[in-house]
């Protein structure tokens, strides 16, 4: 089965490298799918071609996701830390009460 699969993958690559258009391949595949003697071969060619397209799309999406992660991590690095004094300058009366109560407990 592995040898057969390798032959099918090789056939798909060969078809791609020869410059046969998708339209021409579809026409031939339709004829092949109607003939019982060729049906299994053309089904396998279509499955492998669909898998290769799927694999290519997934690899592309994985690269896009990696770039998104890199961008997000770079954005996080841009976030600046602020001093305690800076935070106190923006303290609301409610925050002040809470802070004082917490300090009193210590």
PDB file of N, CA and C in Angstrom:
ATOM      1  N   UNK A   1       0.821  -1.190   0.000  1.00  0.00           N
ATOM      2  CA  UNK A   1       0.000   0.000   0.000  1.00  0.00           C
ATOM      3  C   UNK A   1       0.866   1.255   0.000  1.00  0.00           C
ATOM      4  N   UNK A   2       1.968   1.256   0.771  1.00  0.00           N
ATOM      5  CA  UNK A   2       2.854   2.421   0.795  1.00  0.00           C
ATOM      6  C   UNK A   2       3.460   2.683  -0.575  1.00  0.00           C
ATOM      7  N   UNK A   3       3.847   1.616  -1.258  1.00  0.00           N
ATOM      8  CA  UNK A   3       4.431   1.772  -2.597  1.00  0.00           C
ATOM      9  C   UNK A   3       3.382   2.362  -3.533  1.00  0.00           C
ATOM     10  N   UNK A   4       2.140   1.872  -3.422  1.00  0.00           N
ATOM     11  CA  UNK A   4       1.054   2.381  -4.262  1.00  0.00           C
ATOM     12  C   UNK A   4       0.817   3.862  -3.969  1.00  0.00           C
ATOM     13  N   UNK A   5       0.797   4.240  -2.689  1.00  0.00           N
ATOM     14  CA  UNK A   5       0.602   5.636  -2.298  1.00  0.00           C
ATOM     15  C   UNK A   5       1.735   6.500  -2.839  1.00  0.00           C
ATOM     16  N   UNK A   6       2.964   6.030  -2.731  1.00  0.00           N
ATOM     17  CA  UNK A   6       4.100   6.781  -3.262  1.00  0.00           C
ATOM     18  C   UNK A   6       3.982   6.964  -4.767  1.00  0.00           C
ATOM     19  N   UNK A   7       3.486   5.942  -5.462  1.00  0.00           N
ATOM     20  CA  UNK A   7       3.299   6.049  -6.904  1.00  0.00           C
ATOM     21  C   UNK A   7       2.234   7.095  -7.232  1.00  0.00           C
ATOM     22  N   UNK A   8       1.166   7.114  -6.446  1.00  0.00           N
ATOM     23  CA  UNK A   8       0.095   8.097  -6.672  1.00  0.00           C
ATOM     24  C   UNK A   8       0.614   9.507  -6.418  1.00  0.00           C
ATOM     25  N   UNK A   9       1.341   9.694  -5.303  1.00  0.00           N
ATOM     26  CA  UNK A   9       1.918  11.013  -5.005  1.00  0.00           C
ATOM     27  C   UNK A   9       2.863  11.432  -6.127  1.00  0.00           C
ATOM     28  N   UNK A  10       3.667  10.497  -6.587  1.00  0.00           N
ATOM     29  CA  UNK A  10       4.568  10.772  -7.706  1.00  0.00           C
ATOM     30  C   UNK A  10       3.803  11.158  -8.957  1.00  0.00           C
ATOM     31  N   UNK A  11       2.671  10.501  -9.194  1.00  0.00           N
ATOM     32  CA  UNK A  11       1.845  10.819 -10.364  1.00  0.00           C
ATOM     33  C   UNK A  11       1.284  12.232 -10.275  1.00  0.00           C
ATOM     34  N   UNK A  12       0.825  12.615  -9.084  1.00  0.00           N
ATOM     35  CA  UNK A  12       0.292  13.970  -8.906  1.00  0.00           C
ATOM     36  C   UNK A  12       1.387  14.993  -9.156  1.00  0.00           C
ATOM     37  N   UNK A  13       2.562  14.758  -8.602  1.00  0.00           N
ATOM     38  CA  UNK A  13       3.677  15.688  -8.822  1.00  0.00           C
ATOM     39  C   UNK A  13       4.028  15.756 -10.307  1.00  0.00           C
ATOM     40  N   UNK A  14       4.022  14.613 -10.948  1.00  0.00           N
ATOM     41  CA  UNK A  14       4.338  14.558 -12.370  1.00  0.00           C
ATOM     42  C   UNK A  14       3.324  15.378 -13.168  1.00  0.00           C
ATOM     43  N   UNK A  15       2.048  15.227 -12.827  1.00  0.00           N
ATOM     44  CA  UNK A  15       0.996  15.991 -13.510  1.00  0.00           C
ATOM     45  C   UNK A  15       1.212  17.481 -13.284  1.00  0.00           C
ATOM     46  N   UNK A  16       1.569  17.866 -12.061  1.00  0.00           N
ATOM     47  CA  UNK A  16       1.798  19.271 -11.751  1.00  0.00           C
ATOM     48  C   UNK A  16       2.997  19.814 -12.509  1.00  0.00           C
ATOM     49  N   UNK A  17       4.052  19.014 -12.615  1.00  0.00           N
ATOM     50  CA  UNK A  17       5.279  19.461 -13.262  1.00  0.00           C
ATOM     51  C   UNK A  17       5.154  19.534 -14.781  1.00  0.00           C
ATOM     52  N   UNK A  18       4.261  18.753 -15.377  1.00  0.00           N
ATOM     53  CA  UNK A  18       4.129  18.744 -16.831  1.00  0.00           C
ATOM     54  C   UNK A  18       3.356  19.932 -17.355  1.00  0.00           C
ATOM     55  N   UNK A  19       2.737  20.668 -16.454  1.00  0.00           N
ATOM     56  CA  UNK A  19       2.003  21.850 -16.882  1.00  0.00           C
ATOM     57  C   UNK A  19       0.593  21.545 -17.357  1.00  0.00           C
ATOM     58  N   UNK A  20       0.086  20.372 -17.047  1.00  0.00           N
ATOM     59  CA  UNK A  20      -1.290  20.041 -17.410  1.00  0.00           C
ATOM     60  C   UNK A  20      -2.209  20.932 -16.582  1.00  0.00           C
ATOM     61  N   UNK A  21      -3.108  21.600 -17.242  1.00  0.00           N
ATOM     62  CA  UNK A  21      -4.011  22.512 -16.535  1.00  0.00           C
ATOM     63  C   UNK A  21      -5.011  21.725 -15.707  1.00  0.00           C
ATOM     64  N   UNK A  22      -5.570  22.399 -14.703  1.00  0.00           N
ATOM     65  CA  UNK A  22      -6.587  21.756 -13.869  1.00  0.00           C
ATOM     66  C   UNK A  22      -7.795  21.369 -14.715  1.00  0.00           C
ATOM     67  N   UNK A  23      -8.125  22.219 -15.684  1.00  0.00           N
ATOM     68  CA  UNK A  23      -9.270  21.940 -16.544  1.00  0.00           C
ATOM     69  C   UNK A  23      -9.051  20.655 -17.343  1.00  0.00           C
ATOM     70  N   UNK A  24      -7.877  20.521 -17.931  1.00  0.00           N
ATOM     71  CA  UNK A  24      -7.566  19.329 -18.716  1.00  0.00           C
ATOM     72  C   UNK A  24      -7.554  18.092 -17.814  1.00  0.00           C
ATOM     73  N   UNK A  25      -6.935  18.222 -16.631  1.00  0.00           N
ATOM     74  CA  UNK A  25      -6.902  17.108 -15.690  1.00  0.00           C
ATOM     75  C   UNK A  25      -8.319  16.706 -15.290  1.00  0.00           C
ATOM     76  N   UNK A  26      -9.188  17.701 -15.046  1.00  0.00           N
ATOM     77  CA  UNK A  26     -10.575  17.421 -14.663  1.00  0.00           C
ATOM     78  C   UNK A  26     -11.303  16.665 -15.768  1.00  0.00           C
ATOM     79  N   UNK A  27     -11.069  17.079 -17.010  1.00  0.00           N
ATOM     80  CA  UNK A  27     -11.712  16.396 -18.142  1.00  0.00           C
ATOM     81  C   UNK A  27     -11.281  14.928 -18.197  1.00  0.00           C
ATOM     82  N   UNK A  28      -9.984  14.696 -18.087  1.00  0.00           N
ATOM     83  CA  UNK A  28      -9.461  13.332 -18.143  1.00  0.00           C
ATOM     84  C   UNK A  28      -9.938  12.530 -16.932  1.00  0.00           C
ATOM     85  N   UNK A  29      -9.952  13.164 -15.764  1.00  0.00           N
ATOM     86  CA  UNK A  29     -10.384  12.477 -14.552  1.00  0.00           C
ATOM     87  C   UNK A  29     -11.851  12.070 -14.643  1.00  0.00           C
ATOM     88  N   UNK A  30     -12.689  12.929 -15.214  1.00  0.00           N
ATOM     89  CA  UNK A  30     -14.102  12.588 -15.374  1.00  0.00           C
ATOM     90  C   UNK A  30     -14.261  11.334 -16.228  1.00  0.00           C
ATOM     91  N   UNK A  31     -13.502  11.273 -17.300  1.00  0.00           N
ATOM     92  CA  UNK A  31     -13.549  10.089 -18.172  1.00  0.00           C
ATOM     93  C   UNK A  31     -13.037   8.869 -17.409  1.00  0.00           C
ATOM     94  N   UNK A  32     -11.919   9.041 -16.705  1.00  0.00           N
ATOM     95  CA  UNK A  32     -11.330   7.942 -15.943  1.00  0.00           C
ATOM     96  C   UNK A  32     -12.229   7.436 -14.833  1.00  0.00           C
ATOM     97  N   UNK A  33     -12.951   8.352 -14.189  1.00  0.00           N
ATOM     98  CA  UNK A  33     -13.847   7.954 -13.102  1.00  0.00           C
ATOM     99  C   UNK A  33     -15.046   7.160 -13.613  1.00  0.00           C
ATOM    100  N   UNK A  34     -15.406   7.362 -14.860  1.00  0.00           N
ATOM    101  CA  UNK A  34     -16.528   6.621 -15.446  1.00  0.00           C
ATOM    102  C   UNK A  34     -16.124   5.211 -15.878  1.00  0.00           C
ATOM    103  N   UNK A  35     -14.851   4.999 -16.094  1.00  0.00           N
ATOM    104  CA  UNK A  35     -14.381   3.681 -16.541  1.00  0.00           C
ATOM    105  C   UNK A  35     -13.952   2.876 -15.319  1.00  0.00           C
ATOM    106  N   UNK A  36     -14.584   1.762 -15.140  1.00  0.00           N
ATOM    107  CA  UNK A  36     -14.339   0.941 -13.960  1.00  0.00           C
ATOM    108  C   UNK A  36     -12.863   0.573 -13.803  1.00  0.00           C
ATOM    109  N   UNK A  37     -12.173   0.320 -14.911  1.00  0.00           N
ATOM    110  CA  UNK A  37     -10.768  -0.103 -14.834  1.00  0.00           C
ATOM    111  C   UNK A  37      -9.847   1.026 -14.348  1.00  0.00           C
ATOM    112  N   UNK A  38     -10.228   2.280 -14.571  1.00  0.00           N
ATOM    113  CA  UNK A  38      -9.384   3.428 -14.187  1.00  0.00           C
ATOM    114  C   UNK A  38      -9.910   4.179 -12.969  1.00  0.00           C
ATOM    115  N   UNK A  39     -11.106   3.850 -12.537  1.00  0.00           N
ATOM    116  CA  UNK A  39     -11.782   4.609 -11.484  1.00  0.00           C
ATOM    117  C   UNK A  39     -10.945   4.719 -10.206  1.00  0.00           C
ATOM    118  N   UNK A  40     -10.419   3.604  -9.714  1.00  0.00           N
ATOM    119  CA  UNK A  40      -9.658   3.598  -8.455  1.00  0.00           C
ATOM    120  C   UNK A  40      -8.424   4.497  -8.559  1.00  0.00           C
ATOM    121  N   UNK A  41      -7.736   4.444  -9.686  1.00  0.00           N
ATOM    122  CA  UNK A  41      -6.526   5.267  -9.867  1.00  0.00           C
ATOM    123  C   UNK A  41      -6.884   6.751  -9.823  1.00  0.00           C
ATOM    124  N   UNK A  42      -7.933   7.149 -10.527  1.00  0.00           N
ATOM    125  CA  UNK A  42      -8.308   8.563 -10.541  1.00  0.00           C
ATOM    126  C   UNK A  42      -8.854   9.021  -9.193  1.00  0.00           C
ATOM    127  N   UNK A  43      -9.554   8.152  -8.481  1.00  0.00           N
ATOM    128  CA  UNK A  43     -10.003   8.503  -7.131  1.00  0.00           C
ATOM    129  C   UNK A  43      -8.800   8.781  -6.234  1.00  0.00           C
ATOM    130  N   UNK A  44      -7.789   7.924  -6.321  1.00  0.00           N
ATOM    131  CA  UNK A  44      -6.580   8.114  -5.514  1.00  0.00           C
ATOM    132  C   UNK A  44      -5.862   9.406  -5.894  1.00  0.00           C
ATOM    133  N   UNK A  45      -5.792   9.697  -7.190  1.00  0.00           N
ATOM    134  CA  UNK A  45      -5.157  10.944  -7.636  1.00  0.00           C
ATOM    135  C   UNK A  45      -5.882  12.157  -7.057  1.00  0.00           C
ATOM    136  N   UNK A  46      -7.186  12.112  -7.064  1.00  0.00           N
ATOM    137  CA  UNK A  46      -7.980  13.231  -6.540  1.00  0.00           C
ATOM    138  C   UNK A  46      -7.790  13.361  -5.031  1.00  0.00           C
ATOM    139  N   UNK A  47      -7.791  12.220  -4.309  1.00  0.00           N
ATOM    140  CA  UNK A  47      -7.585  12.261  -2.858  1.00  0.00           C
ATOM    141  C   UNK A  47      -6.230  12.864  -2.517  1.00  0.00           C
ATOM    142  N   UNK A  48      -5.199  12.420  -3.220  1.00  0.00           N
ATOM    143  CA  UNK A  48      -3.850  12.921  -2.943  1.00  0.00           C
ATOM    144  C   UNK A  48      -3.762  14.403  -3.281  1.00  0.00           C
ATOM    145  N   UNK A  49      -4.332  14.802  -4.405  1.00  0.00           N
ATOM    146  CA  UNK A  49      -4.300  16.211  -4.793  1.00  0.00           C
ATOM    147  C   UNK A  49      -5.014  17.058  -3.753  1.00  0.00           C
ATOM    148  N   UNK A  50      -6.180  16.588  -3.276  1.00  0.00           N
ATOM    149  CA  UNK A  50      -6.907  17.320  -2.237  1.00  0.00           C
ATOM    150  C   UNK A  50      -6.084  17.405  -0.954  1.00  0.00           C
ATOM    151  N   UNK A  51      -5.407  16.315  -0.608  1.00  0.00           N
ATOM    152  CA  UNK A  51      -4.578  16.324   0.591  1.00  0.00           C
ATOM    153  C   UNK A  51      -3.435  17.316   0.447  1.00  0.00           C
ATOM    154  N   UNK A  52      -2.786  17.337  -0.718  1.00  0.00           N
ATOM    155  CA  UNK A  52      -1.661  18.259  -0.925  1.00  0.00           C
ATOM    156  C   UNK A  52      -2.121  19.712  -0.857  1.00  0.00           C
ATOM    157  N   UNK A  53      -3.301  19.983  -1.413  1.00  0.00           N
ATOM    158  CA  UNK A  53      -3.862  21.336  -1.327  1.00  0.00           C
ATOM    159  C   UNK A  53      -4.164  21.673   0.133  1.00  0.00           C
ATOM    160  N   UNK A  54      -4.783  20.738   0.849  1.00  0.00           N
ATOM    161  CA  UNK A  54      -5.099  20.934   2.268  1.00  0.00           C
ATOM    162  C   UNK A  54      -3.824  21.188   3.072  1.00  0.00           C
ATOM    163  N   UNK A  55      -2.803  20.374   2.814  1.00  0.00           N
ATOM    164  CA  UNK A  55      -1.537  20.519   3.530  1.00  0.00           C
ATOM    165  C   UNK A  55      -0.927  21.900   3.265  1.00  0.00           C
ATOM    166  N   UNK A  56      -0.961  22.331   2.027  1.00  0.00           N
ATOM    167  CA  UNK A  56      -0.415  23.641   1.666  1.00  0.00           C
ATOM    168  C   UNK A  56      -1.171  24.760   2.388  1.00  0.00           C
ATOM    169  N   UNK A  57      -2.506  24.654   2.435  1.00  0.00           N
ATOM    170  CA  UNK A  57      -3.314  25.653   3.134  1.00  0.00           C
ATOM    171  C   UNK A  57      -3.015  25.669   4.630  1.00  0.00           C
ATOM    172  N   UNK A  58      -2.846  24.490   5.237  1.00  0.00           N
ATOM    173  CA  UNK A  58      -2.558  24.412   6.664  1.00  0.00           C
ATOM    174  C   UNK A  58      -1.184  24.984   6.986  1.00  0.00           C
ATOM    175  N   UNK A  59      -0.196  24.721   6.132  1.00  0.00           N
ATOM    176  CA  UNK A  59       1.132  25.287   6.351  1.00  0.00           C
ATOM    177  C   UNK A  59       1.087  26.810   6.267  1.00  0.00           C
ATOM    178  N   UNK A  60       0.333  27.310   5.300  1.00  0.00           N
ATOM    179  CA  UNK A  60       0.185  28.762   5.155  1.00  0.00           C
ATOM    180  C   UNK A  60      -0.473  29.357   6.403  1.00  0.00           C
ATOM    181  N   UNK A  61      -1.543  28.714   6.874  1.00  0.00           N
ATOM    182  CA  UNK A  61      -2.249  29.217   8.056  1.00  0.00           C
ATOM    183  C   UNK A  61      -1.361  29.164   9.300  1.00  0.00           C
ATOM    184  N   UNK A  62      -0.566  28.103   9.428  1.00  0.00           N
ATOM    185  CA  UNK A  62       0.352  28.008  10.564  1.00  0.00           C
ATOM    186  C   UNK A  62       1.352  29.155  10.551  1.00  0.00           C
ATOM    187  N   UNK A  63       1.862  29.512   9.378  1.00  0.00           N
ATOM    188  CA  UNK A  63       2.793  30.642   9.281  1.00  0.00           C
ATOM    189  C   UNK A  63       2.099  31.944   9.659  1.00  0.00           C
ATOM    190  N   UNK A  64       0.839  32.109   9.221  1.00  0.00           N
ATOM    191  CA  UNK A  64       0.086  33.308   9.590  1.00  0.00           C
ATOM    192  C   UNK A  64      -0.097  33.391  11.099  1.00  0.00           C
ATOM    193  N   UNK A  65      -0.418  32.254  11.720  1.00  0.00           N
ATOM    194  CA  UNK A  65      -0.595  32.237  13.176  1.00  0.00           C
ATOM    195  C   UNK A  65       0.705  32.541  13.901  1.00  0.00           C
ATOM    196  N   UNK A  66       1.815  32.010  13.399  1.00  0.00           N
ATOM    197  CA  UNK A  66       3.120  32.302  14.005  1.00  0.00           C
ATOM    198  C   UNK A  66       3.416  33.792  13.936  1.00  0.00           C
ATOM    199  N   UNK A  67       3.105  34.429  12.796  1.00  0.00           N
ATOM    200  CA  UNK A  67       3.323  35.870  12.665  1.00  0.00           C
ATOM    201  C   UNK A  67       2.440  36.652  13.637  1.00  0.00           C
ATOM    202  N   UNK A  68       1.205  36.201  13.814  1.00  0.00           N
ATOM    203  CA  UNK A  68       0.319  36.857  14.774  1.00  0.00           C
ATOM    204  C   UNK A  68       0.878  36.768  16.189  1.00  0.00           C
ATOM    205  N   UNK A  69       1.412  35.617  16.545  1.00  0.00           N
ATOM    206  CA  UNK A  69       2.002  35.435  17.878  1.00  0.00           C
ATOM    207  C   UNK A  69       3.213  36.347  18.040  1.00  0.00           C
ATOM    208  N   UNK A  70       4.045  36.422  17.024  1.00  0.00           N
ATOM    209  CA  UNK A  70       5.227  37.288  17.085  1.00  0.00           C
ATOM    210  C   UNK A  70       4.812  38.742  17.244  1.00  0.00           C
ATOM    211  N   UNK A  71       3.805  39.174  16.474  1.00  0.00           N
ATOM    212  CA  UNK A  71       3.316  40.556  16.593  1.00  0.00           C
ATOM    213  C   UNK A  71       2.779  40.832  17.988  1.00  0.00           C
ATOM    214  N   UNK A  72       2.001  39.889  18.507  1.00  0.00           N
ATOM    215  CA  UNK A  72       1.411  40.068  19.835  1.00  0.00           C
ATOM    216  C   UNK A  72       2.494  40.162  20.902  1.00  0.00           C
ATOM    217  N   UNK A  73       3.519  39.324  20.792  1.00  0.00           N
ATOM    218  CA  UNK A  73       4.596  39.370  21.787  1.00  0.00           C
ATOM    219  C   UNK A  73       5.390  40.663  21.671  1.00  0.00           C
ATOM    220  N   UNK A  74       5.555  41.156  20.447  1.00  0.00           N
ATOM    221  CA  UNK A  74       6.249  42.431  20.268  1.00  0.00           C
ATOM    222  C   UNK A  74       5.427  43.574  20.851  1.00  0.00           C
ATOM    223  N   UNK A  75       4.099  43.509  20.696  1.00  0.00           N
ATOM    224  CA  UNK A  75       3.233  44.531  21.273  1.00  0.00           C
ATOM    225  C   UNK A  75       3.320  44.512  22.805  1.00  0.00           C
ATOM    226  N   UNK A  76       3.397  43.319  23.376  1.00  0.00           N
ATOM    227  CA  UNK A  76       3.496  43.219  24.832  1.00  0.00           C
ATOM    228  C   UNK A  76       4.807  43.804  25.328  1.00  0.00           C
ATOM    229  N   UNK A  77       5.857  43.642  24.545  1.00  0.00           N
ATOM    230  CA  UNK A  77       7.150  44.193  24.941  1.00  0.00           C
ATOM    231  C   UNK A  77       7.126  45.717  24.942  1.00  0.00           C
ATOM    232  N   UNK A  78       6.231  46.304  24.123  1.00  0.00           N
ATOM    233  CA  UNK A  78       6.135  47.758  24.039  1.00  0.00           C
ATOM    234  C   UNK A  78       5.465  48.363  25.276  1.00  0.00           C
ATOM    235  N   UNK A  79       4.698  47.540  26.007  1.00  0.00           N
ATOM    236  CA  UNK A  79       4.018  48.023  27.202  1.00  0.00           C
ATOM    237  C   UNK A  79       5.082  48.422  28.215  1.00  0.00           C
ATOM    238  N   UNK A  80       4.982  49.653  28.659  1.00  0.00           N
ATOM    239  CA  UNK A  80       5.991  50.168  29.597  1.00  0.00           C
ATOM    240  C   UNK A  80       5.513  49.985  31.029  1.00  0.00           C
ATOM    241  N   UNK A  81       6.430  49.687  31.880  1.00  0.00           N
ATOM    242  CA  UNK A  81       6.071  49.608  33.292  1.00  0.00           C
ATOM    243  C   UNK A  81       6.076  51.024  33.864  1.00  0.00           C
ATOM    244  N   UNK A  82       5.250  51.214  34.857  1.00  0.00           N
ATOM    245  CA  UNK A  82       5.179  52.535  35.491  1.00  0.00           C
ATOM    246  C   UNK A  82       5.542  52.392  36.966  1.00  0.00           C
ATOM    247  N   UNK A  83       5.961  53.474  37.517  1.00  0.00           N
ATOM    248  CA  UNK A  83       6.393  53.449  38.915  1.00  0.00           C
ATOM    249  C   UNK A  83       5.190  53.474  39.860  1.00  0.00           C
ATOM    250  N   UNK A  84       5.469  53.092  41.092  1.00  0.00           N
ATOM    251  CA  UNK A  84       4.437  53.130  42.123  1.00  0.00           C
ATOM    252  C   UNK A  84       3.956  54.565  42.321  1.00  0.00           C
ATOM    253  N   UNK A  85       4.857  55.509  42.238  1.00  0.00           N
ATOM    254  CA  UNK A  85       4.510  56.936  42.389  1.00  0.00           C
ATOM    255  C   UNK A  85       3.544  57.361  41.291  1.00  0.00           C
ATOM    256  N   UNK A  86       3.800  56.888  40.067  1.00  0.00           N
ATOM    257  CA  UNK A  86       2.916  57.220  38.951  1.00  0.00           C
ATOM    258  C   UNK A  86       1.512  56.653  39.198  1.00  0.00           C
ATOM    259  N   UNK A  87       1.438  55.432  39.683  1.00  0.00           N
ATOM    260  CA  UNK A  87       0.137  54.832  39.979  1.00  0.00           C
ATOM    261  C   UNK A  87      -0.579  55.609  41.081  1.00  0.00           C
ATOM    262  N   UNK A  88       0.158  56.019  42.088  1.00  0.00           N
ATOM    263  CA  UNK A  88      -0.448  56.786  43.194  1.00  0.00           C
ATOM    264  C   UNK A  88      -0.990  58.123  42.699  1.00  0.00           C
ATOM    265  N   UNK A  89      -0.350  58.704  41.690  1.00  0.00           N
ATOM    266  CA  UNK A  89      -0.799  59.992  41.157  1.00  0.00           C
ATOM    267  C   UNK A  89      -2.184  59.867  40.515  1.00  0.00           C
ATOM    268  N   UNK A  90      -2.536  58.692  40.055  1.00  0.00           N
ATOM    269  CA  UNK A  90      -3.827  58.467  39.402  1.00  0.00           C
ATOM    270  C   UNK A  90      -4.817  57.754  40.318  1.00  0.00           C
ATOM    271  N   UNK A  91      -4.515  57.716  41.580  1.00  0.00           N
ATOM    272  CA  UNK A  91      -5.343  57.017  42.548  1.00  0.00           C
ATOM    273  C   UNK A  91      -6.656  57.762  42.779  1.00  0.00           C
ATOM    274  N   UNK A  92      -7.747  57.031  42.751  1.00  0.00           N
ATOM    275  CA  UNK A  92      -9.061  57.629  43.037  1.00  0.00           C
ATOM    276  C   UNK A  92      -9.290  57.585  44.544  1.00  0.00           C
ATOM    277  N   UNK A  93     -10.270  58.339  45.026  1.00  0.00           N
ATOM    278  CA  UNK A  93     -10.565  58.298  46.462  1.00  0.00           C
ATOM    279  C   UNK A  93     -10.902  56.876  46.954  1.00  0.00           C
ATOM    280  N   UNK A  94     -11.612  56.110  46.104  1.00  0.00           N
ATOM    281  CA  UNK A  94     -11.955  54.736  46.485  1.00  0.00           C
ATOM    282  C   UNK A  94     -10.693  53.878  46.616  1.00  0.00           C
ATOM    283  N   UNK A  95      -9.768  54.042  45.665  1.00  0.00           N
ATOM    284  CA  UNK A  95      -8.513  53.300  45.725  1.00  0.00           C
ATOM    285  C   UNK A  95      -7.713  53.696  46.966  1.00  0.00           C
ATOM    286  N   UNK A  96      -7.729  54.979  47.275  1.00  0.00           N
ATOM    287  CA  UNK A  96      -6.994  55.477  48.435  1.00  0.00           C
ATOM    288  C   UNK A  96      -7.520  54.846  49.726  1.00  0.00           C
ATOM    289  N   UNK A  97      -8.831  54.779  49.858  1.00  0.00           N
ATOM    290  CA  UNK A  97      -9.439  54.180  51.047  1.00  0.00           C
ATOM    291  C   UNK A  97      -9.025  52.714  51.152  1.00  0.00           C
ATOM    292  N   UNK A  98      -9.115  51.996  50.039  1.00  0.00           N
ATOM    293  CA  UNK A  98      -8.737  50.577  50.038  1.00  0.00           C
ATOM    294  C   UNK A  98      -7.268  50.409  50.409  1.00  0.00           C
ATOM    295  N   UNK A  99      -6.410  51.252  49.836  1.00  0.00           N
ATOM    296  CA  UNK A  99      -4.977  51.132  50.107  1.00  0.00           C
ATOM    297  C   UNK A  99      -4.682  51.409  51.583  1.00  0.00           C
ATOM    298  N   UNK A 100      -5.316  52.442  52.103  1.00  0.00           N
ATOM    299  CA  UNK A 100      -5.079  52.787  53.501  1.00  0.00           C
ATOM    300  C   UNK A 100      -5.574  51.687  54.434  1.00  0.00           C
ATOM    301  N   UNK A 101      -6.731  51.088  54.109  1.00  0.00           N
ATOM    302  CA  UNK A 101      -7.246  49.989  54.932  1.00  0.00           C
ATOM    303  C   UNK A 101      -6.316  48.790  54.867  1.00  0.00           C
ATOM    304  N   UNK A 102      -5.777  48.490  53.688  1.00  0.00           N
ATOM    305  CA  UNK A 102      -4.848  47.376  53.560  1.00  0.00           C
ATOM    306  C   UNK A 102      -3.556  47.638  54.324  1.00  0.00           C
ATOM    307  N   UNK A 103      -3.075  48.883  54.256  1.00  0.00           N
ATOM    308  CA  UNK A 103      -1.840  49.218  54.982  1.00  0.00           C
ATOM    309  C   UNK A 103      -2.066  49.137  56.487  1.00  0.00           C
ATOM    310  N   UNK A 104      -3.268  49.524  56.940  1.00  0.00           N
ATOM    311  CA  UNK A 104      -3.579  49.489  58.355  1.00  0.00           C
ATOM    312  C   UNK A 104      -3.575  48.062  58.892  1.00  0.00           C
ATOM    313  N   UNK A 105      -3.994  47.077  58.058  1.00  0.00           N
ATOM    314  CA  UNK A 105      -4.028  45.686  58.462  1.00  0.00           C
ATOM    315  C   UNK A 105      -2.604  45.152  58.682  1.00  0.00           C
ATOM    316  N   UNK A 106      -1.642  45.698  58.021  1.00  0.00           N
ATOM    317  CA  UNK A 106      -0.250  45.211  58.141  1.00  0.00           C
ATOM    318  C   UNK A 106       0.302  45.590  59.430  1.00  0.00           C
TER     319      UNK A 106
END
